Amino acid sequence: MLKEDRLDPLYEKYNVRTDLALESHQTVVEREGPPELPGVQVHTEEHEGVIVTRITVENDLGAQMMGKAPGNYSTLESSALREHNRDVHETIAELVAKELDWFLPKRVSGLRMAS
């Protein structure tokens, strides 16, 4: 076992290592059973064949269960990325830009405000 594995609660408990918060959430739900995890908010929507999942780890309990630091996580899934279709790629690029905007602090009257 690598030293990093001993420090990863998700790996220690479930023998699973992942960088994606979405996969961490799915693993905990599959193994523990609750559809909702305390301290973790999940919002999923679909846009023209692209599934966008936003996960917010709100507190230390959610962070411990997920093996992720508190904060915002976003995953975009689409089988259309493999297609050579400019319109589809433009739609996905717009969705990626929207997700990046979600991570940036909001501006109020020209000043940056923490979200």
N, C-alpha and C. Protein backbone atom coordinates (compact mmCIF):
# COMPACT_ATOMS: atom_id res chain seq x y z
N MET A 1 0.84 -1.17 0.00
CA MET A 1 0.00 0.00 0.00
C MET A 1 0.89 1.24 0.00
N LEU A 2 0.59 2.20 -0.86
CA LEU A 2 1.34 3.43 -0.93
C LEU A 2 1.00 4.33 0.25
N LYS A 3 1.93 5.21 0.62
CA LYS A 3 1.72 6.13 1.73
C LYS A 3 0.48 7.00 1.48
N GLU A 4 0.28 7.45 0.22
CA GLU A 4 -0.88 8.29 -0.10
C GLU A 4 -2.19 7.54 0.15
N ASP A 5 -2.20 6.23 -0.10
CA ASP A 5 -3.42 5.43 0.09
C ASP A 5 -3.84 5.42 1.56
N ARG A 6 -2.86 5.40 2.46
CA ARG A 6 -3.19 5.39 3.88
C ARG A 6 -3.79 6.72 4.32
N LEU A 7 -3.55 7.77 3.57
CA LEU A 7 -4.08 9.09 3.91
C LEU A 7 -5.42 9.36 3.24
N ASP A 8 -5.87 8.50 2.36
CA ASP A 8 -7.10 8.69 1.60
C ASP A 8 -8.23 7.90 2.24
N PRO A 9 -9.18 8.57 2.93
CA PRO A 9 -10.25 7.85 3.63
C PRO A 9 -11.13 7.02 2.69
N LEU A 10 -11.36 7.49 1.47
CA LEU A 10 -12.18 6.73 0.52
C LEU A 10 -11.49 5.42 0.15
N TYR A 11 -10.17 5.48 -0.03
CA TYR A 11 -9.42 4.28 -0.36
C TYR A 11 -9.37 3.34 0.84
N GLU A 12 -9.14 3.89 2.02
CA GLU A 12 -9.06 3.05 3.22
C GLU A 12 -10.37 2.30 3.47
N LYS A 13 -11.50 2.99 3.29
CA LYS A 13 -12.79 2.38 3.61
C LYS A 13 -13.33 1.49 2.49
N TYR A 14 -13.17 1.92 1.23
CA TYR A 14 -13.81 1.21 0.12
C TYR A 14 -12.82 0.61 -0.88
N ASN A 15 -11.53 0.86 -0.70
CA ASN A 15 -10.51 0.39 -1.62
C ASN A 15 -10.73 0.97 -3.03
N VAL A 16 -11.14 2.25 -3.07
CA VAL A 16 -11.40 2.96 -4.32
C VAL A 16 -10.61 4.26 -4.31
N ARG A 17 -9.96 4.56 -5.42
CA ARG A 17 -9.24 5.82 -5.56
C ARG A 17 -9.78 6.51 -6.81
N THR A 18 -10.18 7.78 -6.65
CA THR A 18 -10.69 8.54 -7.79
C THR A 18 -10.42 10.01 -7.59
N ASP A 19 -10.26 10.73 -8.70
CA ASP A 19 -10.10 12.17 -8.64
C ASP A 19 -11.45 12.88 -8.75
N LEU A 20 -12.46 12.19 -9.24
CA LEU A 20 -13.74 12.82 -9.49
C LEU A 20 -14.65 12.76 -8.26
N ALA A 21 -15.18 13.92 -7.86
CA ALA A 21 -16.12 13.97 -6.75
C ALA A 21 -17.38 13.17 -7.09
N LEU A 22 -17.78 13.17 -8.36
CA LEU A 22 -18.96 12.41 -8.79
C LEU A 22 -18.77 10.93 -8.51
N GLU A 23 -17.61 10.39 -8.85
CA GLU A 23 -17.34 8.98 -8.60
C GLU A 23 -17.25 8.69 -7.11
N SER A 24 -16.67 9.59 -6.34
CA SER A 24 -16.61 9.41 -4.89
C SER A 24 -18.02 9.33 -4.31
N HIS A 25 -18.88 10.26 -4.73
CA HIS A 25 -20.26 10.28 -4.25
C HIS A 25 -20.97 8.98 -4.61
N GLN A 26 -20.85 8.55 -5.86
CA GLN A 26 -21.51 7.32 -6.30
C GLN A 26 -21.02 6.12 -5.51
N THR A 27 -19.73 6.05 -5.21
CA THR A 27 -19.16 4.94 -4.46
C THR A 27 -19.73 4.89 -3.05
N VAL A 28 -19.78 6.03 -2.38
CA VAL A 28 -20.29 6.07 -1.01
C VAL A 28 -21.76 5.69 -0.99
N VAL A 29 -22.55 6.23 -1.91
CA VAL A 29 -23.98 5.92 -1.96
C VAL A 29 -24.21 4.43 -2.24
N GLU A 30 -23.45 3.86 -3.17
CA GLU A 30 -23.60 2.43 -3.49
C GLU A 30 -23.24 1.55 -2.29
N ARG A 31 -22.21 1.91 -1.56
CA ARG A 31 -21.74 1.07 -0.46
C ARG A 31 -22.47 1.33 0.85
N GLU A 32 -22.88 2.56 1.09
CA GLU A 32 -23.53 2.92 2.35
C GLU A 32 -25.05 2.88 2.25
N GLY A 33 -25.58 3.19 1.08
CA GLY A 33 -27.02 3.10 0.89
C GLY A 33 -27.80 4.39 0.90
N PRO A 34 -27.42 5.44 1.65
CA PRO A 34 -28.29 6.62 1.66
C PRO A 34 -28.22 7.37 0.34
N PRO A 35 -29.38 7.81 -0.18
CA PRO A 35 -29.35 8.56 -1.44
C PRO A 35 -28.73 9.94 -1.26
N GLU A 36 -28.79 10.47 -0.04
CA GLU A 36 -28.22 11.79 0.21
C GLU A 36 -27.18 11.65 1.32
N LEU A 37 -26.08 12.33 1.16
CA LEU A 37 -25.04 12.32 2.17
C LEU A 37 -25.09 13.64 2.93
N PRO A 38 -25.00 13.59 4.26
CA PRO A 38 -25.01 14.84 5.03
C PRO A 38 -23.81 15.71 4.67
N GLY A 39 -24.09 16.99 4.44
CA GLY A 39 -23.02 17.92 4.10
C GLY A 39 -22.60 17.90 2.64
N VAL A 40 -23.37 17.19 1.79
CA VAL A 40 -23.05 17.11 0.36
C VAL A 40 -24.31 17.40 -0.44
N GLN A 41 -24.24 18.40 -1.31
CA GLN A 41 -25.35 18.74 -2.20
C GLN A 41 -24.98 18.33 -3.62
N VAL A 42 -25.91 17.65 -4.30
CA VAL A 42 -25.68 17.21 -5.68
C VAL A 42 -26.81 17.74 -6.55
N HIS A 43 -26.46 18.35 -7.66
CA HIS A 43 -27.45 18.86 -8.61
C HIS A 43 -27.03 18.39 -10.00
N THR A 44 -27.93 17.69 -10.68
CA THR A 44 -27.64 17.18 -12.02
C THR A 44 -28.68 17.71 -12.99
N GLU A 45 -28.21 18.14 -14.16
CA GLU A 45 -29.12 18.56 -15.23
C GLU A 45 -28.54 18.12 -16.56
N GLU A 46 -29.40 18.06 -17.56
CA GLU A 46 -28.96 17.65 -18.89
C GLU A 46 -29.23 18.77 -19.87
N HIS A 47 -28.23 19.04 -20.72
CA HIS A 47 -28.33 20.07 -21.75
C HIS A 47 -27.91 19.47 -23.08
N GLU A 48 -28.84 19.23 -23.96
CA GLU A 48 -28.54 18.76 -25.32
C GLU A 48 -27.56 17.58 -25.32
N GLY A 49 -27.85 16.59 -24.50
CA GLY A 49 -27.04 15.38 -24.48
C GLY A 49 -25.80 15.45 -23.61
N VAL A 50 -25.63 16.54 -22.87
CA VAL A 50 -24.50 16.69 -21.95
C VAL A 50 -25.05 16.68 -20.53
N ILE A 51 -24.54 15.77 -19.72
CA ILE A 51 -24.97 15.70 -18.32
C ILE A 51 -23.99 16.51 -17.49
N VAL A 52 -24.53 17.50 -16.77
CA VAL A 52 -23.73 18.37 -15.91
C VAL A 52 -24.11 18.06 -14.46
N THR A 53 -23.11 17.67 -13.68
CA THR A 53 -23.33 17.38 -12.26
C THR A 53 -22.47 18.31 -11.43
N ARG A 54 -23.13 19.04 -10.54
CA ARG A 54 -22.42 19.94 -9.62
C ARG A 54 -22.54 19.34 -8.22
N ILE A 55 -21.41 19.24 -7.56
CA ILE A 55 -21.39 18.73 -6.20
C ILE A 55 -20.75 19.78 -5.31
N THR A 56 -21.42 20.09 -4.20
CA THR A 56 -20.87 20.99 -3.21
C THR A 56 -20.67 20.20 -1.93
N VAL A 57 -19.43 20.12 -1.49
CA VAL A 57 -19.11 19.51 -0.20
C VAL A 57 -19.10 20.67 0.78
N GLU A 58 -20.13 20.68 1.67
CA GLU A 58 -20.39 21.85 2.49
C GLU A 58 -19.63 21.89 3.81
N ASN A 59 -19.25 20.74 4.34
CA ASN A 59 -18.65 20.75 5.67
C ASN A 59 -17.68 19.58 5.85
N ASP A 60 -17.11 19.49 7.04
CA ASP A 60 -16.11 18.45 7.31
C ASP A 60 -16.71 17.06 7.28
N LEU A 61 -17.97 16.89 7.71
CA LEU A 61 -18.60 15.56 7.66
C LEU A 61 -18.72 15.08 6.22
N GLY A 62 -19.22 15.95 5.34
CA GLY A 62 -19.31 15.61 3.92
C GLY A 62 -17.96 15.34 3.32
N ALA A 63 -16.96 16.13 3.71
CA ALA A 63 -15.60 15.95 3.20
C ALA A 63 -15.05 14.60 3.63
N GLN A 64 -15.29 14.23 4.87
CA GLN A 64 -14.79 12.95 5.38
C GLN A 64 -15.45 11.78 4.65
N MET A 65 -16.76 11.85 4.43
CA MET A 65 -17.48 10.77 3.75
C MET A 65 -17.04 10.64 2.30
N MET A 66 -16.78 11.77 1.65
CA MET A 66 -16.44 11.77 0.23
C MET A 66 -14.95 11.60 -0.04
N GLY A 67 -14.14 11.88 0.97
CA GLY A 67 -12.69 11.87 0.73
C GLY A 67 -12.26 13.04 -0.13
N LYS A 68 -13.02 14.13 -0.07
CA LYS A 68 -12.74 15.35 -0.85
C LYS A 68 -12.79 16.54 0.09
N ALA A 69 -12.00 17.55 -0.19
CA ALA A 69 -12.01 18.77 0.61
C ALA A 69 -13.33 19.51 0.41
N PRO A 70 -13.79 20.26 1.41
CA PRO A 70 -14.99 21.08 1.20
C PRO A 70 -14.78 22.01 0.01
N GLY A 71 -15.83 22.19 -0.77
CA GLY A 71 -15.74 23.06 -1.94
C GLY A 71 -16.69 22.61 -3.03
N ASN A 72 -16.52 23.19 -4.20
CA ASN A 72 -17.37 22.93 -5.35
C ASN A 72 -16.66 22.03 -6.36
N TYR A 73 -17.42 21.10 -6.91
CA TYR A 73 -16.89 20.17 -7.92
C TYR A 73 -17.91 20.09 -9.06
N SER A 74 -17.43 19.96 -10.27
CA SER A 74 -18.30 19.89 -11.43
C SER A 74 -17.79 18.83 -12.40
N THR A 75 -18.72 18.04 -12.94
CA THR A 75 -18.38 17.02 -13.93
C THR A 75 -19.32 17.17 -15.12
N LEU A 76 -18.76 17.18 -16.33
CA LEU A 76 -19.55 17.17 -17.56
C LEU A 76 -19.31 15.84 -18.25
N GLU A 77 -20.40 15.18 -18.63
CA GLU A 77 -20.31 13.88 -19.30
C GLU A 77 -21.04 13.96 -20.64
N SER A 78 -20.39 13.47 -21.69
CA SER A 78 -21.03 13.42 -23.00
C SER A 78 -20.30 12.45 -23.91
N SER A 79 -21.05 11.54 -24.48
CA SER A 79 -20.46 10.64 -25.47
C SER A 79 -20.22 11.38 -26.79
N ALA A 80 -20.85 12.56 -26.94
CA ALA A 80 -20.73 13.34 -28.18
C ALA A 80 -19.34 13.96 -28.34
N LEU A 81 -18.52 13.95 -27.30
CA LEU A 81 -17.17 14.49 -27.43
C LEU A 81 -16.36 13.72 -28.47
N ARG A 82 -16.70 12.47 -28.69
CA ARG A 82 -15.97 11.64 -29.66
C ARG A 82 -16.41 11.91 -31.09
N GLU A 83 -17.52 12.60 -31.25
CA GLU A 83 -18.03 12.88 -32.59
C GLU A 83 -17.29 14.07 -33.21
N HIS A 84 -17.21 14.08 -34.52
CA HIS A 84 -16.63 15.21 -35.23
C HIS A 84 -17.77 16.13 -35.67
N ASN A 85 -18.34 16.81 -34.67
CA ASN A 85 -19.50 17.66 -34.91
C ASN A 85 -19.25 19.01 -34.25
N ARG A 86 -18.99 20.00 -35.06
CA ARG A 86 -18.64 21.34 -34.55
C ARG A 86 -19.74 21.91 -33.66
N ASP A 87 -20.99 21.75 -34.03
CA ASP A 87 -22.10 22.29 -33.22
C ASP A 87 -22.12 21.68 -31.82
N VAL A 88 -21.92 20.38 -31.75
CA VAL A 88 -21.90 19.69 -30.46
C VAL A 88 -20.72 20.19 -29.63
N HIS A 89 -19.56 20.32 -30.25
CA HIS A 89 -18.38 20.79 -29.53
C HIS A 89 -18.55 22.22 -29.04
N GLU A 90 -19.22 23.07 -29.81
CA GLU A 90 -19.48 24.44 -29.39
C GLU A 90 -20.41 24.46 -28.19
N THR A 91 -21.44 23.60 -28.21
CA THR A 91 -22.36 23.51 -27.08
C THR A 91 -21.62 23.08 -25.82
N ILE A 92 -20.75 22.08 -25.95
CA ILE A 92 -19.98 21.60 -24.81
C ILE A 92 -19.03 22.69 -24.31
N ALA A 93 -18.41 23.41 -25.21
CA ALA A 93 -17.50 24.50 -24.82
C ALA A 93 -18.26 25.57 -24.04
N GLU A 94 -19.47 25.90 -24.47
CA GLU A 94 -20.30 26.88 -23.75
C GLU A 94 -20.64 26.38 -22.35
N LEU A 95 -20.93 25.10 -22.23
CA LEU A 95 -21.24 24.53 -20.92
C LEU A 95 -20.01 24.51 -20.01
N VAL A 96 -18.85 24.23 -20.58
CA VAL A 96 -17.61 24.27 -19.80
C VAL A 96 -17.37 25.70 -19.29
N ALA A 97 -17.58 26.69 -20.16
CA ALA A 97 -17.41 28.09 -19.76
C ALA A 97 -18.38 28.45 -18.63
N LYS A 98 -19.60 27.98 -18.73
CA LYS A 98 -20.61 28.22 -17.67
C LYS A 98 -20.15 27.61 -16.35
N GLU A 99 -19.60 26.40 -16.42
CA GLU A 99 -19.13 25.74 -15.20
C GLU A 99 -17.93 26.48 -14.61
N LEU A 100 -17.02 26.94 -15.45
CA LEU A 100 -15.88 27.71 -14.96
C LEU A 100 -16.35 28.99 -14.26
N ASP A 101 -17.37 29.61 -14.80
CA ASP A 101 -17.94 30.81 -14.20
C ASP A 101 -18.49 30.51 -12.80
N TRP A 102 -19.03 29.31 -12.61
CA TRP A 102 -19.58 28.90 -11.31
C TRP A 102 -18.49 28.91 -10.24
N PHE A 103 -17.25 28.63 -10.62
CA PHE A 103 -16.15 28.58 -9.68
C PHE A 103 -15.57 29.96 -9.34
N LEU A 104 -15.79 30.94 -10.21
CA LEU A 104 -15.20 32.26 -10.01
C LEU A 104 -16.00 33.08 -9.01
N PRO A 105 -15.31 33.91 -8.23
CA PRO A 105 -16.03 34.80 -7.31
C PRO A 105 -16.93 35.74 -8.10
N LYS A 106 -18.05 36.10 -7.52
CA LYS A 106 -19.01 36.98 -8.18
C LYS A 106 -18.57 38.43 -8.06
N ARG A 107 -18.90 39.23 -9.07
CA ARG A 107 -18.56 40.66 -9.07
C ARG A 107 -19.80 41.47 -8.67
N VAL A 108 -19.58 42.48 -7.82
CA VAL A 108 -20.64 43.40 -7.46
C VAL A 108 -20.09 44.81 -7.65
N SER A 109 -20.71 45.59 -8.52
CA SER A 109 -20.29 46.97 -8.82
C SER A 109 -18.79 47.06 -9.10
N GLY A 110 -18.28 46.12 -9.91
CA GLY A 110 -16.88 46.17 -10.28
C GLY A 110 -15.93 45.60 -9.24
N LEU A 111 -16.44 45.22 -8.07
CA LEU A 111 -15.61 44.64 -7.02
C LEU A 111 -15.82 43.14 -6.99
N ARG A 112 -14.76 42.39 -6.70
CA ARG A 112 -14.89 40.95 -6.60
C ARG A 112 -15.37 40.62 -5.19
N MET A 113 -16.39 39.77 -5.10
CA MET A 113 -16.93 39.34 -3.81
C MET A 113 -16.75 37.84 -3.71
N ALA A 114 -16.34 37.38 -2.56
CA ALA A 114 -16.23 35.93 -2.34
C ALA A 114 -17.61 35.32 -2.38
N SER A 115 -17.74 34.13 -3.01
CA SER A 115 -19.05 33.49 -3.07
C SER A 115 -19.27 32.60 -1.90
